[in-house]
């Protein structure tokens, strides 16, 4: 697979992850503290993958 194909697959995975996180954040069964932890973890992961 060429680098463009790899980039497309990574983008698809990112979109799926964002969709899943959005659904968790909209769910009322999570406390605000839990939602904040999820957001912080996502930001950490994004920062690691962007550099």
PDB file of N, CA and C in Angstrom:
ATOM      1  N   UNK A   1       0.852  -1.173   0.000  1.00  0.00           N
ATOM      2  CA  UNK A   1       0.000   0.000   0.000  1.00  0.00           C
ATOM      3  C   UNK A   1       0.900   1.240   0.000  1.00  0.00           C
ATOM      4  N   UNK A   2       0.566   2.193  -0.837  1.00  0.00           N
ATOM      5  CA  UNK A   2       1.378   3.402  -0.895  1.00  0.00           C
ATOM      6  C   UNK A   2       1.046   4.354   0.250  1.00  0.00           C
ATOM      7  N   UNK A   3       1.829   5.396   0.360  1.00  0.00           N
ATOM      8  CA  UNK A   3       1.664   6.314   1.493  1.00  0.00           C
ATOM      9  C   UNK A   3       0.316   7.025   1.475  1.00  0.00           C
ATOM     10  N   UNK A   4      -0.226   7.291   0.297  1.00  0.00           N
ATOM     11  CA  UNK A   4      -1.542   7.940   0.223  1.00  0.00           C
ATOM     12  C   UNK A   4      -2.619   6.997   0.745  1.00  0.00           C
ATOM     13  N   UNK A   5      -2.540   5.731   0.402  1.00  0.00           N
ATOM     14  CA  UNK A   5      -3.492   4.744   0.908  1.00  0.00           C
ATOM     15  C   UNK A   5      -3.427   4.617   2.419  1.00  0.00           C
ATOM     16  N   UNK A   6      -2.222   4.655   2.948  1.00  0.00           N
ATOM     17  CA  UNK A   6      -2.041   4.587   4.402  1.00  0.00           C
ATOM     18  C   UNK A   6      -2.655   5.819   5.061  1.00  0.00           C
ATOM     19  N   UNK A   7      -2.407   6.988   4.479  1.00  0.00           N
ATOM     20  CA  UNK A   7      -2.977   8.232   5.020  1.00  0.00           C
ATOM     21  C   UNK A   7      -4.502   8.192   4.997  1.00  0.00           C
ATOM     22  N   UNK A   8      -5.077   7.677   3.923  1.00  0.00           N
ATOM     23  CA  UNK A   8      -6.539   7.581   3.814  1.00  0.00           C
ATOM     24  C   UNK A   8      -7.084   6.654   4.894  1.00  0.00           C
ATOM     25  N   UNK A   9      -6.438   5.517   5.102  1.00  0.00           N
ATOM     26  CA  UNK A   9      -6.880   4.580   6.143  1.00  0.00           C
ATOM     27  C   UNK A   9      -6.773   5.199   7.531  1.00  0.00           C
ATOM     28  N   UNK A  10      -5.695   5.923   7.784  1.00  0.00           N
ATOM     29  CA  UNK A  10      -5.535   6.592   9.078  1.00  0.00           C
ATOM     30  C   UNK A  10      -6.624   7.643   9.272  1.00  0.00           C
ATOM     31  N   UNK A  11      -6.960   8.371   8.217  1.00  0.00           N
ATOM     32  CA  UNK A  11      -8.014   9.382   8.300  1.00  0.00           C
ATOM     33  C   UNK A  11      -9.360   8.724   8.588  1.00  0.00           C
ATOM     34  N   UNK A  12      -9.623   7.590   7.946  1.00  0.00           N
ATOM     35  CA  UNK A  12     -10.879   6.867   8.194  1.00  0.00           C
ATOM     36  C   UNK A  12     -10.964   6.413   9.648  1.00  0.00           C
ATOM     37  N   UNK A  13      -9.856   5.901  10.186  1.00  0.00           N
ATOM     38  CA  UNK A  13      -9.828   5.478  11.589  1.00  0.00           C
ATOM     39  C   UNK A  13     -10.084   6.665  12.508  1.00  0.00           C
ATOM     40  N   UNK A  14      -9.480   7.797  12.189  1.00  0.00           N
ATOM     41  CA  UNK A  14      -9.679   9.005  12.990  1.00  0.00           C
ATOM     42  C   UNK A  14     -11.142   9.427  12.973  1.00  0.00           C
ATOM     43  N   UNK A  15     -11.769   9.395  11.799  1.00  0.00           N
ATOM     44  CA  UNK A  15     -13.186   9.767  11.689  1.00  0.00           C
ATOM     45  C   UNK A  15     -14.064   8.824  12.509  1.00  0.00           C
ATOM     46  N   UNK A  16     -13.782   7.535  12.459  1.00  0.00           N
ATOM     47  CA  UNK A  16     -14.547   6.563  13.246  1.00  0.00           C
ATOM     48  C   UNK A  16     -14.388   6.835  14.740  1.00  0.00           C
ATOM     49  N   UNK A  17     -13.172   7.125  15.152  1.00  0.00           N
ATOM     50  CA  UNK A  17     -12.911   7.400  16.562  1.00  0.00           C
ATOM     51  C   UNK A  17     -13.641   8.653  17.018  1.00  0.00           C
ATOM     52  N   UNK A  18     -13.599   9.698  16.205  1.00  0.00           N
ATOM     53  CA  UNK A  18     -14.290  10.943  16.550  1.00  0.00           C
ATOM     54  C   UNK A  18     -15.788  10.695  16.683  1.00  0.00           C
ATOM     55  N   UNK A  19     -16.351   9.911  15.775  1.00  0.00           N
ATOM     56  CA  UNK A  19     -17.781   9.596  15.834  1.00  0.00           C
ATOM     57  C   UNK A  19     -18.119   8.851  17.120  1.00  0.00           C
ATOM     58  N   UNK A  20     -17.290   7.887  17.495  1.00  0.00           N
ATOM     59  CA  UNK A  20     -17.521   7.133  18.731  1.00  0.00           C
ATOM     60  C   UNK A  20     -17.410   8.030  19.958  1.00  0.00           C
ATOM     61  N   UNK A  21     -16.414   8.894  19.973  1.00  0.00           N
ATOM     62  CA  UNK A  21     -16.231   9.796  21.110  1.00  0.00           C
ATOM     63  C   UNK A  21     -17.411  10.754  21.215  1.00  0.00           C
ATOM     64  N   UNK A  22     -17.871  11.264  20.080  1.00  0.00           N
ATOM     65  CA  UNK A  22     -19.028  12.168  20.100  1.00  0.00           C
ATOM     66  C   UNK A  22     -20.244  11.481  20.702  1.00  0.00           C
ATOM     67  N   UNK A  23     -20.465  10.223  20.359  1.00  0.00           N
ATOM     68  CA  UNK A  23     -21.628   9.519  20.903  1.00  0.00           C
ATOM     69  C   UNK A  23     -21.487   9.303  22.406  1.00  0.00           C
ATOM     70  N   UNK A  24     -20.276   9.024  22.873  1.00  0.00           N
ATOM     71  CA  UNK A  24     -20.053   8.858  24.310  1.00  0.00           C
ATOM     72  C   UNK A  24     -20.292  10.179  25.034  1.00  0.00           C
ATOM     73  N   UNK A  25     -19.821  11.269  24.451  1.00  0.00           N
ATOM     74  CA  UNK A  25     -19.968  12.572  25.099  1.00  0.00           C
ATOM     75  C   UNK A  25     -21.422  13.030  25.133  1.00  0.00           C
ATOM     76  N   UNK A  26     -22.212  12.588  24.175  1.00  0.00           N
ATOM     77  CA  UNK A  26     -23.636  12.941  24.162  1.00  0.00           C
ATOM     78  C   UNK A  26     -24.444  12.079  25.123  1.00  0.00           C
ATOM     79  N   UNK A  27     -23.888  10.950  25.518  1.00  0.00           N
ATOM     80  CA  UNK A  27     -24.572  10.012  26.405  1.00  0.00           C
ATOM     81  C   UNK A  27     -24.645  10.597  27.814  1.00  0.00           C
ATOM     82  N   UNK A  28     -25.825  10.592  28.387  1.00  0.00           N
ATOM     83  CA  UNK A  28     -26.003  11.165  29.721  1.00  0.00           C
ATOM     84  C   UNK A  28     -25.553  10.242  30.849  1.00  0.00           C
ATOM     85  N   UNK A  29     -25.152   9.020  30.528  1.00  0.00           N
ATOM     86  CA  UNK A  29     -24.726   8.103  31.585  1.00  0.00           C
ATOM     87  C   UNK A  29     -23.317   8.425  32.096  1.00  0.00           C
ATOM     88  N   UNK A  30     -22.567   9.240  31.359  1.00  0.00           N
ATOM     89  CA  UNK A  30     -21.231   9.650  31.791  1.00  0.00           C
ATOM     90  C   UNK A  30     -21.330  10.947  32.587  1.00  0.00           C
ATOM     91  N   UNK A  31     -20.545  11.012  33.644  1.00  0.00           N
ATOM     92  CA  UNK A  31     -20.493  12.254  34.423  1.00  0.00           C
ATOM     93  C   UNK A  31     -19.662  13.284  33.655  1.00  0.00           C
ATOM     94  N   UNK A  32     -19.779  14.527  34.063  1.00  0.00           N
ATOM     95  CA  UNK A  32     -18.986  15.584  33.424  1.00  0.00           C
ATOM     96  C   UNK A  32     -17.495  15.322  33.610  1.00  0.00           C
ATOM     97  N   UNK A  33     -17.125  14.802  34.772  1.00  0.00           N
ATOM     98  CA  UNK A  33     -15.719  14.482  35.042  1.00  0.00           C
ATOM     99  C   UNK A  33     -15.218  13.398  34.081  1.00  0.00           C
ATOM    100  N   UNK A  34     -16.027  12.360  33.869  1.00  0.00           N
ATOM    101  CA  UNK A  34     -15.646  11.290  32.938  1.00  0.00           C
ATOM    102  C   UNK A  34     -15.517  11.831  31.516  1.00  0.00           C
ATOM    103  N   UNK A  35     -16.437  12.701  31.130  1.00  0.00           N
ATOM    104  CA  UNK A  35     -16.374  13.295  29.791  1.00  0.00           C
ATOM    105  C   UNK A  35     -15.103  14.120  29.627  1.00  0.00           C
ATOM    106  N   UNK A  36     -14.744  14.859  30.655  1.00  0.00           N
ATOM    107  CA  UNK A  36     -13.526  15.657  30.607  1.00  0.00           C
ATOM    108  C   UNK A  36     -12.292  14.765  30.485  1.00  0.00           C
ATOM    109  N   UNK A  37     -12.284  13.646  31.192  1.00  0.00           N
ATOM    110  CA  UNK A  37     -11.173  12.699  31.089  1.00  0.00           C
ATOM    111  C   UNK A  37     -11.062  12.147  29.668  1.00  0.00           C
ATOM    112  N   UNK A  38     -12.200  11.839  29.059  1.00  0.00           N
ATOM    113  CA  UNK A  38     -12.206  11.319  27.687  1.00  0.00           C
ATOM    114  C   UNK A  38     -11.636  12.361  26.734  1.00  0.00           C
ATOM    115  N   UNK A  39     -12.084  13.601  26.878  1.00  0.00           N
ATOM    116  CA  UNK A  39     -11.596  14.673  26.007  1.00  0.00           C
ATOM    117  C   UNK A  39     -10.090  14.855  26.177  1.00  0.00           C
ATOM    118  N   UNK A  40      -9.621  14.875  27.415  1.00  0.00           N
ATOM    119  CA  UNK A  40      -8.186  15.043  27.666  1.00  0.00           C
ATOM    120  C   UNK A  40      -7.373  13.903  27.070  1.00  0.00           C
ATOM    121  N   UNK A  41      -7.867  12.682  27.185  1.00  0.00           N
ATOM    122  CA  UNK A  41      -7.168  11.523  26.616  1.00  0.00           C
ATOM    123  C   UNK A  41      -7.105  11.632  25.097  1.00  0.00           C
ATOM    124  N   UNK A  42      -8.209  12.056  24.485  1.00  0.00           N
ATOM    125  CA  UNK A  42      -8.243  12.223  23.030  1.00  0.00           C
ATOM    126  C   UNK A  42      -7.244  13.284  22.577  1.00  0.00           C
ATOM    127  N   UNK A  43      -7.176  14.379  23.303  1.00  0.00           N
ATOM    128  CA  UNK A  43      -6.226  15.439  22.967  1.00  0.00           C
ATOM    129  C   UNK A  43      -4.797  14.917  23.080  1.00  0.00           C
ATOM    130  N   UNK A  44      -4.505  14.159  24.118  1.00  0.00           N
ATOM    131  CA  UNK A  44      -3.170  13.573  24.279  1.00  0.00           C
ATOM    132  C   UNK A  44      -2.817  12.679  23.098  1.00  0.00           C
ATOM    133  N   UNK A  45      -3.758  11.838  22.692  1.00  0.00           N
ATOM    134  CA  UNK A  45      -3.518  10.922  21.571  1.00  0.00           C
ATOM    135  C   UNK A  45      -3.298  11.701  20.283  1.00  0.00           C
ATOM    136  N   UNK A  46      -4.116  12.714  20.044  1.00  0.00           N
ATOM    137  CA  UNK A  46      -3.952  13.533  18.844  1.00  0.00           C
ATOM    138  C   UNK A  46      -2.598  14.232  18.832  1.00  0.00           C
ATOM    139  N   UNK A  47      -2.194  14.779  19.959  1.00  0.00           N
ATOM    140  CA  UNK A  47      -0.897  15.454  20.033  1.00  0.00           C
ATOM    141  C   UNK A  47       0.245  14.493  19.731  1.00  0.00           C
ATOM    142  N   UNK A  48       0.160  13.273  20.226  1.00  0.00           N
ATOM    143  CA  UNK A  48       1.204  12.275  19.981  1.00  0.00           C
ATOM    144  C   UNK A  48       1.288  11.930  18.500  1.00  0.00           C
ATOM    145  N   UNK A  49       0.144  11.884  17.829  1.00  0.00           N
ATOM    146  CA  UNK A  49       0.125  11.465  16.431  1.00  0.00           C
ATOM    147  C   UNK A  49       0.384  12.603  15.448  1.00  0.00           C
ATOM    148  N   UNK A  50       0.299  13.832  15.905  1.00  0.00           N
ATOM    149  CA  UNK A  50       0.518  14.960  15.006  1.00  0.00           C
ATOM    150  C   UNK A  50       1.985  15.349  14.897  1.00  0.00           C
ATOM    151  N   UNK A  51       2.804  14.925  15.855  1.00  0.00           N
ATOM    152  CA  UNK A  51       4.208  15.329  15.839  1.00  0.00           C
ATOM    153  C   UNK A  51       5.112  14.186  15.526  1.00  0.00           C
TER     154      UNK A  51
END
